[in-house]
Amino acid sequence: MQRRHLLAAPAILLARPAFAATAQGDAARALVAALRAGNVVVVMRHGITDRSQVDTGDLSNRAGQRNLSEAGREQSRRTGRALAALGVPLGQVLASPVFRARDTAELAFGARSVVEPMLTADDYTPDPAQLARQIAWLRARTGRPSAPGVTDILVGHIVPLGMVLGRGLAQAEYPEGSLAVFAPGEGAGRLLGILAAETLPPA
């Protein structure tokens, strides 16, 4: 599925420098500082899921989707608490309509989260032309905070972000619940790094 979609929209795959696995130590602290300073956009992967469940591609059917596990639900709540404790100046919170992303956003950020169809997962977007539009939208959105000095959160999925970056993302570098932090840029954001949810200070 991932390879098919990567081939479906070659025109929007722009080369990007490779980046290291999920940030640790000083790099993680620098990303936390960027979150607190604002003027960045975060593409947050949904929380930990129940891998015994299988996606059917039906957005309206929760039972036919891979949903958050209890660990993922607690991870999402913990992330929301941590960002609040850090004083991160939240701007828009947008979420994919796939339930695991919607639930992540709601558990972490509450009623301020809004469903955004352009964040839909690749395996829920069978039309290659629509997938190309979604990737182009996400690419542009990573470089455009909604207001000066805020941190926008886009809760989505691993494959669309990999397509924005022009390469596949390994689970180890973009694990469930992690935050990819982008600074404003021309046409697309500049990836500062990826922060694992567990790297956030406890709250």
N, C-alpha and C. Protein backbone atom coordinates (compact mmCIF):
# COMPACT_ATOMS: atom_id res chain seq x y z
N MET A 1 0.83 -1.21 0.00
CA MET A 1 0.00 0.00 0.00
C MET A 1 0.86 1.25 0.00
N GLN A 2 1.87 1.30 0.85
CA GLN A 2 2.70 2.48 0.92
C GLN A 2 3.42 2.72 -0.39
N ARG A 3 4.04 1.69 -1.01
CA ARG A 3 4.76 1.89 -2.25
C ARG A 3 3.84 2.33 -3.36
N ARG A 4 2.60 1.77 -3.42
CA ARG A 4 1.67 2.15 -4.47
C ARG A 4 1.35 3.64 -4.39
N HIS A 5 1.13 4.12 -3.18
CA HIS A 5 0.79 5.53 -3.05
C HIS A 5 1.98 6.43 -3.29
N LEU A 6 3.18 5.98 -2.94
CA LEU A 6 4.35 6.79 -3.21
C LEU A 6 4.54 6.96 -4.71
N LEU A 7 4.18 5.95 -5.48
CA LEU A 7 4.30 6.04 -6.92
C LEU A 7 3.15 6.80 -7.54
N ALA A 8 2.05 6.95 -6.82
CA ALA A 8 0.85 7.55 -7.40
C ALA A 8 0.98 9.04 -7.60
N ALA A 9 1.86 9.70 -6.86
CA ALA A 9 1.91 11.15 -6.93
C ALA A 9 3.36 11.64 -7.02
N PRO A 10 4.12 11.22 -8.06
CA PRO A 10 5.54 11.55 -8.11
C PRO A 10 5.82 13.03 -8.24
N ALA A 11 4.88 13.79 -8.81
CA ALA A 11 5.14 15.20 -9.06
C ALA A 11 5.30 16.01 -7.79
N ILE A 12 4.78 15.49 -6.67
CA ILE A 12 4.83 16.29 -5.45
C ILE A 12 5.87 15.78 -4.47
N LEU A 13 6.68 14.80 -4.87
CA LEU A 13 7.71 14.30 -3.99
C LEU A 13 8.99 15.07 -4.26
N LEU A 14 9.32 16.01 -3.39
CA LEU A 14 10.50 16.83 -3.57
C LEU A 14 11.59 16.34 -2.64
N ALA A 15 12.81 16.29 -3.14
CA ALA A 15 13.93 15.76 -2.37
C ALA A 15 14.16 16.60 -1.12
N ARG A 16 14.40 15.93 -0.03
CA ARG A 16 14.70 16.60 1.23
C ARG A 16 15.94 15.93 1.83
N PRO A 17 16.73 16.66 2.62
CA PRO A 17 17.84 16.02 3.30
C PRO A 17 17.34 14.96 4.27
N ALA A 18 18.07 13.87 4.37
CA ALA A 18 17.72 12.84 5.36
C ALA A 18 17.92 13.43 6.75
N PHE A 19 17.13 12.97 7.70
CA PHE A 19 17.30 13.45 9.06
C PHE A 19 17.43 12.26 9.99
N ALA A 20 17.99 12.52 11.15
CA ALA A 20 18.27 11.45 12.10
C ALA A 20 17.00 10.92 12.71
N ALA A 21 17.14 9.82 13.40
CA ALA A 21 16.00 9.24 14.11
C ALA A 21 15.51 10.23 15.17
N THR A 22 14.40 9.85 15.80
CA THR A 22 13.74 10.72 16.78
C THR A 22 14.76 11.37 17.73
N ALA A 23 14.62 12.69 17.91
CA ALA A 23 15.61 13.47 18.65
C ALA A 23 15.73 13.03 20.11
N GLN A 24 16.93 13.16 20.63
CA GLN A 24 17.19 12.86 22.03
C GLN A 24 18.12 13.92 22.58
N GLY A 25 18.18 14.02 23.89
CA GLY A 25 19.14 14.89 24.55
C GLY A 25 18.99 16.34 24.15
N ASP A 26 20.12 16.97 23.76
CA ASP A 26 20.12 18.38 23.42
C ASP A 26 19.18 18.68 22.25
N ALA A 27 19.13 17.77 21.28
CA ALA A 27 18.25 17.99 20.12
C ALA A 27 16.79 18.02 20.55
N ALA A 28 16.42 17.13 21.47
CA ALA A 28 15.05 17.11 21.96
C ALA A 28 14.74 18.38 22.74
N ARG A 29 15.67 18.85 23.53
CA ARG A 29 15.44 20.08 24.29
C ARG A 29 15.28 21.28 23.35
N ALA A 30 16.02 21.29 22.26
CA ALA A 30 15.88 22.37 21.28
C ALA A 30 14.50 22.35 20.63
N LEU A 31 13.97 21.15 20.37
CA LEU A 31 12.63 21.05 19.79
C LEU A 31 11.57 21.49 20.78
N VAL A 32 11.73 21.13 22.04
CA VAL A 32 10.79 21.60 23.07
C VAL A 32 10.82 23.12 23.15
N ALA A 33 12.01 23.71 23.06
CA ALA A 33 12.11 25.16 23.08
C ALA A 33 11.39 25.78 21.89
N ALA A 34 11.49 25.14 20.73
CA ALA A 34 10.79 25.64 19.54
C ALA A 34 9.28 25.57 19.72
N LEU A 35 8.79 24.50 20.34
CA LEU A 35 7.35 24.40 20.61
C LEU A 35 6.88 25.53 21.51
N ARG A 36 7.68 25.84 22.51
CA ARG A 36 7.30 26.88 23.47
C ARG A 36 7.39 28.27 22.85
N ALA A 37 8.30 28.46 21.92
CA ALA A 37 8.46 29.77 21.28
C ALA A 37 7.36 30.04 20.27
N GLY A 38 6.79 28.99 19.69
CA GLY A 38 5.74 29.16 18.71
C GLY A 38 6.28 29.47 17.32
N ASN A 39 5.37 29.81 16.41
CA ASN A 39 5.70 30.05 15.00
C ASN A 39 6.21 28.78 14.33
N VAL A 40 5.71 27.64 14.78
CA VAL A 40 6.03 26.35 14.17
C VAL A 40 4.73 25.57 13.92
N VAL A 41 4.85 24.57 13.07
CA VAL A 41 3.73 23.66 12.80
C VAL A 41 4.19 22.25 13.12
N VAL A 42 3.40 21.53 13.89
CA VAL A 42 3.72 20.17 14.29
C VAL A 42 2.81 19.20 13.53
N VAL A 43 3.41 18.20 12.88
CA VAL A 43 2.63 17.09 12.33
C VAL A 43 2.79 15.94 13.32
N MET A 44 1.74 15.73 14.10
CA MET A 44 1.77 14.73 15.17
C MET A 44 1.16 13.44 14.66
N ARG A 45 1.87 12.35 14.81
CA ARG A 45 1.29 11.05 14.44
C ARG A 45 0.32 10.62 15.53
N HIS A 46 -0.77 9.99 15.13
CA HIS A 46 -1.74 9.46 16.10
C HIS A 46 -1.04 8.61 17.15
N GLY A 47 -1.71 8.41 18.26
CA GLY A 47 -1.12 7.66 19.36
C GLY A 47 -1.02 6.17 19.09
N ILE A 48 -0.51 5.45 20.08
CA ILE A 48 -0.28 4.01 19.98
C ILE A 48 -1.60 3.29 19.69
N THR A 49 -1.57 2.37 18.73
CA THR A 49 -2.79 1.70 18.29
C THR A 49 -2.81 0.22 18.66
N ASP A 50 -3.99 -0.35 18.55
CA ASP A 50 -4.19 -1.78 18.77
C ASP A 50 -3.92 -2.50 17.44
N ARG A 51 -2.77 -3.13 17.33
CA ARG A 51 -2.34 -3.73 16.07
C ARG A 51 -3.10 -5.02 15.73
N SER A 52 -3.96 -5.49 16.63
CA SER A 52 -4.79 -6.65 16.30
C SER A 52 -5.97 -6.26 15.42
N GLN A 53 -6.24 -4.96 15.33
CA GLN A 53 -7.35 -4.46 14.51
C GLN A 53 -6.85 -4.14 13.11
N VAL A 54 -7.75 -4.24 12.13
CA VAL A 54 -7.39 -4.06 10.72
C VAL A 54 -8.26 -2.96 10.12
N ASP A 55 -7.65 -2.09 9.32
CA ASP A 55 -8.40 -1.04 8.64
C ASP A 55 -9.18 -1.59 7.45
N THR A 56 -10.41 -1.12 7.28
CA THR A 56 -11.24 -1.52 6.15
C THR A 56 -11.38 -0.41 5.12
N GLY A 57 -10.91 0.80 5.46
CA GLY A 57 -11.03 1.92 4.53
C GLY A 57 -12.35 2.66 4.63
N ASP A 58 -13.16 2.37 5.63
CA ASP A 58 -14.46 3.01 5.81
C ASP A 58 -14.35 4.03 6.94
N LEU A 59 -14.36 5.31 6.58
CA LEU A 59 -14.19 6.36 7.58
C LEU A 59 -15.31 6.41 8.61
N SER A 60 -16.48 5.94 8.25
CA SER A 60 -17.63 6.04 9.15
C SER A 60 -17.72 4.87 10.13
N ASN A 61 -16.89 3.86 9.96
CA ASN A 61 -17.02 2.63 10.74
C ASN A 61 -15.86 2.49 11.71
N ARG A 62 -16.09 2.87 12.97
CA ARG A 62 -15.03 2.75 13.96
C ARG A 62 -14.58 1.30 14.14
N ALA A 63 -15.52 0.38 14.14
CA ALA A 63 -15.18 -1.03 14.36
C ALA A 63 -14.31 -1.59 13.23
N GLY A 64 -14.34 -0.95 12.06
CA GLY A 64 -13.54 -1.40 10.93
C GLY A 64 -12.25 -0.62 10.78
N GLN A 65 -11.78 -0.03 11.87
CA GLN A 65 -10.53 0.72 11.83
C GLN A 65 -9.58 0.25 12.92
N ARG A 66 -8.30 0.54 12.74
CA ARG A 66 -7.31 0.31 13.80
C ARG A 66 -7.39 1.50 14.75
N ASN A 67 -7.81 1.25 15.95
CA ASN A 67 -8.06 2.31 16.92
C ASN A 67 -6.94 2.41 17.95
N LEU A 68 -6.98 3.48 18.74
CA LEU A 68 -6.02 3.61 19.83
C LEU A 68 -6.18 2.48 20.83
N SER A 69 -5.05 2.00 21.31
CA SER A 69 -5.08 1.09 22.45
C SER A 69 -5.23 1.91 23.72
N GLU A 70 -5.39 1.25 24.85
CA GLU A 70 -5.47 2.01 26.10
C GLU A 70 -4.16 2.74 26.35
N ALA A 71 -3.03 2.12 25.95
CA ALA A 71 -1.74 2.82 26.08
C ALA A 71 -1.71 4.07 25.21
N GLY A 72 -2.30 3.99 24.02
CA GLY A 72 -2.35 5.14 23.14
C GLY A 72 -3.24 6.25 23.67
N ARG A 73 -4.34 5.87 24.30
CA ARG A 73 -5.22 6.87 24.88
C ARG A 73 -4.52 7.61 26.03
N GLU A 74 -3.83 6.86 26.86
CA GLU A 74 -3.11 7.50 27.96
C GLU A 74 -1.94 8.33 27.43
N GLN A 75 -1.25 7.83 26.40
CA GLN A 75 -0.16 8.60 25.78
C GLN A 75 -0.68 9.94 25.26
N SER A 76 -1.84 9.94 24.63
CA SER A 76 -2.41 11.17 24.07
C SER A 76 -2.75 12.16 25.18
N ARG A 77 -3.37 11.67 26.25
CA ARG A 77 -3.67 12.56 27.38
C ARG A 77 -2.39 13.14 27.97
N ARG A 78 -1.37 12.29 28.10
CA ARG A 78 -0.10 12.73 28.69
C ARG A 78 0.56 13.80 27.81
N THR A 79 0.50 13.62 26.50
CA THR A 79 1.07 14.62 25.59
C THR A 79 0.37 15.96 25.75
N GLY A 80 -0.95 15.93 25.81
CA GLY A 80 -1.69 17.17 26.01
C GLY A 80 -1.33 17.86 27.31
N ARG A 81 -1.23 17.08 28.38
CA ARG A 81 -0.86 17.66 29.68
C ARG A 81 0.54 18.24 29.64
N ALA A 82 1.46 17.53 28.99
CA ALA A 82 2.85 17.99 28.92
C ALA A 82 2.97 19.30 28.16
N LEU A 83 2.30 19.40 27.02
CA LEU A 83 2.37 20.64 26.24
C LEU A 83 1.73 21.80 26.99
N ALA A 84 0.64 21.52 27.70
CA ALA A 84 0.02 22.57 28.51
C ALA A 84 0.95 23.03 29.62
N ALA A 85 1.60 22.08 30.30
CA ALA A 85 2.50 22.42 31.39
C ALA A 85 3.71 23.21 30.90
N LEU A 86 4.13 22.94 29.67
CA LEU A 86 5.25 23.68 29.09
C LEU A 86 4.86 25.08 28.65
N GLY A 87 3.57 25.36 28.60
CA GLY A 87 3.12 26.66 28.14
C GLY A 87 3.20 26.84 26.64
N VAL A 88 3.06 25.74 25.90
CA VAL A 88 3.11 25.82 24.44
C VAL A 88 1.91 26.63 23.95
N PRO A 89 2.13 27.68 23.16
CA PRO A 89 1.03 28.54 22.71
C PRO A 89 0.27 27.90 21.55
N LEU A 90 -0.72 27.12 21.85
CA LEU A 90 -1.44 26.38 20.82
C LEU A 90 -2.22 27.30 19.90
N GLY A 91 -2.09 27.02 18.61
CA GLY A 91 -2.92 27.68 17.61
C GLY A 91 -4.01 26.72 17.18
N GLN A 92 -4.08 26.44 15.89
CA GLN A 92 -5.06 25.48 15.40
C GLN A 92 -4.65 24.06 15.75
N VAL A 93 -5.65 23.22 16.04
CA VAL A 93 -5.45 21.78 16.20
C VAL A 93 -6.37 21.11 15.19
N LEU A 94 -5.78 20.50 14.18
CA LEU A 94 -6.53 19.83 13.12
C LEU A 94 -6.22 18.35 13.15
N ALA A 95 -7.22 17.53 12.83
CA ALA A 95 -7.03 16.08 12.92
C ALA A 95 -7.62 15.38 11.70
N SER A 96 -6.96 14.34 11.27
CA SER A 96 -7.50 13.45 10.25
C SER A 96 -8.84 12.89 10.73
N PRO A 97 -9.76 12.61 9.79
CA PRO A 97 -11.04 12.03 10.18
C PRO A 97 -10.96 10.56 10.58
N VAL A 98 -9.83 9.90 10.38
CA VAL A 98 -9.67 8.52 10.84
C VAL A 98 -9.73 8.52 12.37
N PHE A 99 -10.46 7.58 12.95
CA PHE A 99 -10.77 7.68 14.38
C PHE A 99 -9.54 7.72 15.27
N ARG A 100 -8.48 7.01 14.93
CA ARG A 100 -7.31 7.02 15.82
C ARG A 100 -6.68 8.41 15.90
N ALA A 101 -6.75 9.17 14.80
CA ALA A 101 -6.23 10.54 14.82
C ALA A 101 -7.20 11.48 15.53
N ARG A 102 -8.49 11.34 15.23
CA ARG A 102 -9.49 12.17 15.91
C ARG A 102 -9.43 11.98 17.42
N ASP A 103 -9.33 10.72 17.84
CA ASP A 103 -9.30 10.44 19.27
C ASP A 103 -8.03 11.00 19.91
N THR A 104 -6.90 10.88 19.22
CA THR A 104 -5.65 11.44 19.74
C THR A 104 -5.80 12.94 19.98
N ALA A 105 -6.33 13.65 19.00
CA ALA A 105 -6.49 15.10 19.11
C ALA A 105 -7.45 15.47 20.23
N GLU A 106 -8.55 14.76 20.33
CA GLU A 106 -9.54 15.09 21.35
C GLU A 106 -9.03 14.79 22.75
N LEU A 107 -8.33 13.67 22.91
CA LEU A 107 -7.80 13.32 24.22
C LEU A 107 -6.70 14.28 24.65
N ALA A 108 -5.88 14.71 23.69
CA ALA A 108 -4.76 15.60 24.02
C ALA A 108 -5.18 17.05 24.16
N PHE A 109 -6.10 17.51 23.29
CA PHE A 109 -6.35 18.94 23.19
C PHE A 109 -7.81 19.34 23.36
N GLY A 110 -8.68 18.36 23.56
CA GLY A 110 -10.06 18.66 23.88
C GLY A 110 -10.86 19.23 22.74
N ALA A 111 -11.81 20.10 23.10
CA ALA A 111 -12.80 20.58 22.15
C ALA A 111 -12.21 21.50 21.09
N ARG A 112 -10.97 21.96 21.27
CA ARG A 112 -10.40 22.86 20.27
C ARG A 112 -10.01 22.13 18.99
N SER A 113 -9.95 20.80 19.01
CA SER A 113 -9.55 20.05 17.82
C SER A 113 -10.68 20.06 16.78
N VAL A 114 -10.29 20.15 15.50
CA VAL A 114 -11.22 20.21 14.38
C VAL A 114 -10.81 19.15 13.36
N VAL A 115 -11.78 18.42 12.83
CA VAL A 115 -11.49 17.42 11.82
C VAL A 115 -11.16 18.11 10.50
N GLU A 116 -10.05 17.68 9.89
CA GLU A 116 -9.60 18.23 8.61
C GLU A 116 -9.44 17.09 7.60
N PRO A 117 -10.34 16.99 6.61
CA PRO A 117 -10.29 15.89 5.64
C PRO A 117 -8.97 15.81 4.87
N MET A 118 -8.25 16.92 4.72
CA MET A 118 -7.00 16.88 3.96
C MET A 118 -5.91 16.11 4.69
N LEU A 119 -6.13 15.76 5.95
CA LEU A 119 -5.17 14.95 6.71
C LEU A 119 -5.49 13.46 6.66
N THR A 120 -6.48 13.06 5.88
CA THR A 120 -6.89 11.65 5.83
C THR A 120 -5.73 10.73 5.47
N ALA A 121 -5.69 9.56 6.08
CA ALA A 121 -4.63 8.58 5.82
C ALA A 121 -4.67 8.12 4.37
N ASP A 122 -3.51 7.71 3.85
CA ASP A 122 -3.41 7.26 2.46
C ASP A 122 -4.30 6.06 2.17
N ASP A 123 -4.41 5.11 3.11
CA ASP A 123 -5.21 3.92 2.85
C ASP A 123 -6.70 4.16 2.99
N TYR A 124 -7.08 5.39 3.31
CA TYR A 124 -8.49 5.80 3.27
C TYR A 124 -8.74 6.77 2.11
N THR A 125 -7.77 6.87 1.21
CA THR A 125 -7.87 7.77 0.06
C THR A 125 -7.54 6.97 -1.21
N PRO A 126 -8.49 6.21 -1.74
CA PRO A 126 -8.19 5.34 -2.89
C PRO A 126 -7.99 6.10 -4.19
N ASP A 127 -8.41 7.36 -4.26
CA ASP A 127 -8.26 8.15 -5.48
C ASP A 127 -6.88 8.81 -5.50
N PRO A 128 -5.99 8.42 -6.43
CA PRO A 128 -4.63 9.00 -6.46
C PRO A 128 -4.63 10.50 -6.63
N ALA A 129 -5.57 11.05 -7.41
CA ALA A 129 -5.60 12.50 -7.61
C ALA A 129 -5.94 13.22 -6.30
N GLN A 130 -6.87 12.66 -5.54
CA GLN A 130 -7.22 13.27 -4.26
C GLN A 130 -6.06 13.14 -3.29
N LEU A 131 -5.37 12.00 -3.30
CA LEU A 131 -4.21 11.84 -2.43
C LEU A 131 -3.15 12.88 -2.77
N ALA A 132 -2.93 13.14 -4.06
CA ALA A 132 -1.96 14.15 -4.47
C ALA A 132 -2.35 15.52 -3.94
N ARG A 133 -3.62 15.84 -3.98
CA ARG A 133 -4.08 17.13 -3.44
C ARG A 133 -3.82 17.21 -1.94
N GLN A 134 -4.08 16.11 -1.24
CA GLN A 134 -3.87 16.10 0.20
C GLN A 134 -2.40 16.29 0.55
N ILE A 135 -1.51 15.63 -0.19
CA ILE A 135 -0.08 15.76 0.09
C ILE A 135 0.38 17.18 -0.20
N ALA A 136 -0.10 17.75 -1.30
CA ALA A 136 0.27 19.13 -1.63
C ALA A 136 -0.22 20.09 -0.54
N TRP A 137 -1.43 19.86 -0.04
CA TRP A 137 -1.97 20.69 1.05
C TRP A 137 -1.10 20.57 2.29
N LEU A 138 -0.76 19.33 2.67
CA LEU A 138 0.03 19.12 3.89
C LEU A 138 1.41 19.74 3.74
N ARG A 139 2.00 19.59 2.58
CA ARG A 139 3.33 20.16 2.34
C ARG A 139 3.28 21.68 2.55
N ALA A 140 2.29 22.33 1.96
CA ALA A 140 2.18 23.78 2.12
C ALA A 140 1.86 24.17 3.57
N ARG A 141 1.02 23.37 4.21
CA ARG A 141 0.58 23.71 5.57
C ARG A 141 1.70 23.61 6.59
N THR A 142 2.69 22.78 6.36
CA THR A 142 3.81 22.68 7.30
C THR A 142 4.61 23.97 7.38
N GLY A 143 4.52 24.82 6.36
CA GLY A 143 5.28 26.06 6.36
C GLY A 143 4.46 27.29 6.66
N ARG A 144 3.24 27.11 7.17
CA ARG A 144 2.35 28.25 7.34
C ARG A 144 1.61 28.18 8.67
N PRO A 145 2.21 28.69 9.75
CA PRO A 145 1.46 28.77 11.01
C PRO A 145 0.20 29.62 10.83
N SER A 146 -0.83 29.28 11.58
CA SER A 146 -2.12 29.96 11.42
C SER A 146 -2.10 31.40 11.93
N ALA A 147 -1.17 31.71 12.83
CA ALA A 147 -1.05 33.06 13.39
C ALA A 147 0.38 33.21 13.91
N PRO A 148 0.87 34.45 14.02
CA PRO A 148 2.23 34.64 14.54
C PRO A 148 2.37 34.12 15.96
N GLY A 149 3.48 33.45 16.21
CA GLY A 149 3.82 33.05 17.57
C GLY A 149 3.09 31.86 18.14
N VAL A 150 2.33 31.12 17.31
CA VAL A 150 1.61 29.96 17.84
C VAL A 150 2.20 28.67 17.30
N THR A 151 1.87 27.58 17.97
CA THR A 151 2.25 26.24 17.54
C THR A 151 0.99 25.52 17.09
N ASP A 152 0.86 25.30 15.80
CA ASP A 152 -0.27 24.54 15.26
C ASP A 152 0.03 23.05 15.34
N ILE A 153 -0.99 22.26 15.60
CA ILE A 153 -0.85 20.80 15.68
C ILE A 153 -1.73 20.17 14.61
N LEU A 154 -1.13 19.37 13.73
CA LEU A 154 -1.86 18.62 12.71
C LEU A 154 -1.71 17.15 13.05
N VAL A 155 -2.78 16.50 13.46
CA VAL A 155 -2.70 15.10 13.89
C VAL A 155 -3.04 14.20 12.71
N GLY A 156 -2.06 13.40 12.28
CA GLY A 156 -2.25 12.59 11.09
C GLY A 156 -1.55 11.26 11.14
N HIS A 157 -0.89 10.90 10.02
CA HIS A 157 -0.42 9.53 9.79
C HIS A 157 0.98 9.52 9.19
N ILE A 158 1.63 8.37 9.25
CA ILE A 158 3.03 8.26 8.86
C ILE A 158 3.27 8.37 7.36
N VAL A 159 2.44 7.71 6.54
CA VAL A 159 2.71 7.69 5.09
C VAL A 159 2.54 9.06 4.45
N PRO A 160 1.45 9.79 4.73
CA PRO A 160 1.36 11.12 4.12
C PRO A 160 2.56 12.02 4.45
N LEU A 161 3.05 11.97 5.69
CA LEU A 161 4.20 12.80 6.02
C LEU A 161 5.43 12.33 5.26
N GLY A 162 5.61 11.03 5.13
CA GLY A 162 6.73 10.53 4.34
C GLY A 162 6.67 11.01 2.90
N MET A 163 5.47 11.07 2.34
CA MET A 163 5.32 11.55 0.97
C MET A 163 5.65 13.04 0.87
N VAL A 164 5.31 13.82 1.87
CA VAL A 164 5.70 15.23 1.91
C VAL A 164 7.22 15.36 1.91
N LEU A 165 7.88 14.51 2.68
CA LEU A 165 9.33 14.58 2.81
C LEU A 165 10.06 13.93 1.64
N GLY A 166 9.33 13.16 0.83
CA GLY A 166 9.94 12.54 -0.34
C GLY A 166 10.64 11.23 -0.06
N ARG A 167 10.31 10.57 1.03
CA ARG A 167 10.91 9.27 1.35
C ARG A 167 10.06 8.55 2.37
N GLY A 168 10.25 7.26 2.46
CA GLY A 168 9.54 6.50 3.48
C GLY A 168 10.08 6.82 4.87
N LEU A 169 9.19 6.82 5.84
CA LEU A 169 9.58 7.04 7.22
C LEU A 169 9.57 5.71 7.96
N ALA A 170 10.63 5.43 8.68
CA ALA A 170 10.69 4.22 9.49
C ALA A 170 9.91 4.42 10.79
N GLN A 171 9.33 3.33 11.28
CA GLN A 171 8.58 3.41 12.54
C GLN A 171 9.47 3.93 13.68
N ALA A 172 10.75 3.57 13.66
CA ALA A 172 11.63 3.94 14.76
C ALA A 172 11.89 5.44 14.80
N GLU A 173 11.86 6.12 13.65
CA GLU A 173 12.14 7.55 13.67
C GLU A 173 10.89 8.40 13.78
N TYR A 174 9.72 7.81 13.47
CA TYR A 174 8.45 8.54 13.61
C TYR A 174 7.43 7.61 14.25
N PRO A 175 7.68 7.24 15.52
CA PRO A 175 6.78 6.30 16.20
C PRO A 175 5.42 6.91 16.48
N GLU A 176 4.46 6.06 16.79
CA GLU A 176 3.11 6.54 17.09
C GLU A 176 3.17 7.53 18.26
N GLY A 177 2.46 8.65 18.10
CA GLY A 177 2.43 9.67 19.13
C GLY A 177 3.51 10.73 19.03
N SER A 178 4.44 10.59 18.08
CA SER A 178 5.55 11.54 18.00
C SER A 178 5.17 12.81 17.26
N LEU A 179 6.02 13.83 17.39
CA LEU A 179 5.75 15.16 16.85
C LEU A 179 6.88 15.57 15.91
N ALA A 180 6.55 15.78 14.63
CA ALA A 180 7.50 16.32 13.67
C ALA A 180 7.32 17.83 13.64
N VAL A 181 8.38 18.57 13.95
CA VAL A 181 8.30 20.02 14.15
C VAL A 181 8.86 20.73 12.92
N PHE A 182 8.06 21.63 12.34
CA PHE A 182 8.44 22.36 11.13
C PHE A 182 8.46 23.86 11.41
N ALA A 183 9.52 24.52 10.94
CA ALA A 183 9.58 25.99 10.94
C ALA A 183 9.07 26.50 9.60
N PRO A 184 8.57 27.74 9.55
CA PRO A 184 8.07 28.28 8.29
C PRO A 184 9.12 28.22 7.19
N GLY A 185 8.65 28.03 5.96
CA GLY A 185 9.56 27.97 4.83
C GLY A 185 8.85 28.36 3.56
N GLU A 186 9.61 28.50 2.49
CA GLU A 186 9.05 28.85 1.19
C GLU A 186 8.41 27.62 0.56
N GLY A 187 7.12 27.62 0.44
CA GLY A 187 6.42 26.51 -0.19
C GLY A 187 6.16 25.35 0.73
N ALA A 188 7.05 25.10 1.68
CA ALA A 188 6.89 24.02 2.65
C ALA A 188 7.70 24.38 3.89
N GLY A 189 7.34 23.76 5.00
CA GLY A 189 8.09 24.02 6.22
C GLY A 189 9.46 23.35 6.19
N ARG A 190 10.33 23.84 7.05
CA ARG A 190 11.67 23.26 7.21
C ARG A 190 11.63 22.35 8.43
N LEU A 191 11.89 21.06 8.22
CA LEU A 191 11.81 20.11 9.32
C LEU A 191 12.94 20.35 10.30
N LEU A 192 12.57 20.66 11.54
CA LEU A 192 13.56 20.86 12.60
C LEU A 192 13.95 19.54 13.25
N GLY A 193 13.03 18.60 13.29
CA GLY A 193 13.31 17.30 13.91
C GLY A 193 12.04 16.65 14.38
N ILE A 194 12.20 15.45 14.92
CA ILE A 194 11.06 14.67 15.40
C ILE A 194 11.23 14.36 16.88
N LEU A 195 10.20 14.62 17.62
CA LEU A 195 10.23 14.48 19.08
C LEU A 195 9.28 13.36 19.49
N ALA A 196 9.80 12.32 20.13
CA ALA A 196 8.96 11.25 20.63
C ALA A 196 8.09 11.76 21.77
N ALA A 197 6.87 11.25 21.86
CA ALA A 197 5.97 11.69 22.93
C ALA A 197 6.60 11.47 24.31
N GLU A 198 7.32 10.37 24.44
CA GLU A 198 7.92 10.03 25.75
C GLU A 198 9.07 10.96 26.12
N THR A 199 9.54 11.77 25.15
CA THR A 199 10.63 12.72 25.43
C THR A 199 10.12 13.97 26.11
N LEU A 200 8.81 14.24 25.99
CA LEU A 200 8.25 15.43 26.64
C LEU A 200 8.37 15.31 28.16
N PRO A 201 8.64 16.42 28.83
CA PRO A 201 8.72 16.37 30.29
C PRO A 201 7.38 15.90 30.88
N PRO A 202 7.42 15.08 31.91
CA PRO A 202 6.16 14.62 32.51
C PRO A 202 5.39 15.77 33.12
N ALA A 203 4.06 15.66 33.07
CA ALA A 203 3.22 16.73 33.63
C ALA A 203 2.23 16.13 34.61
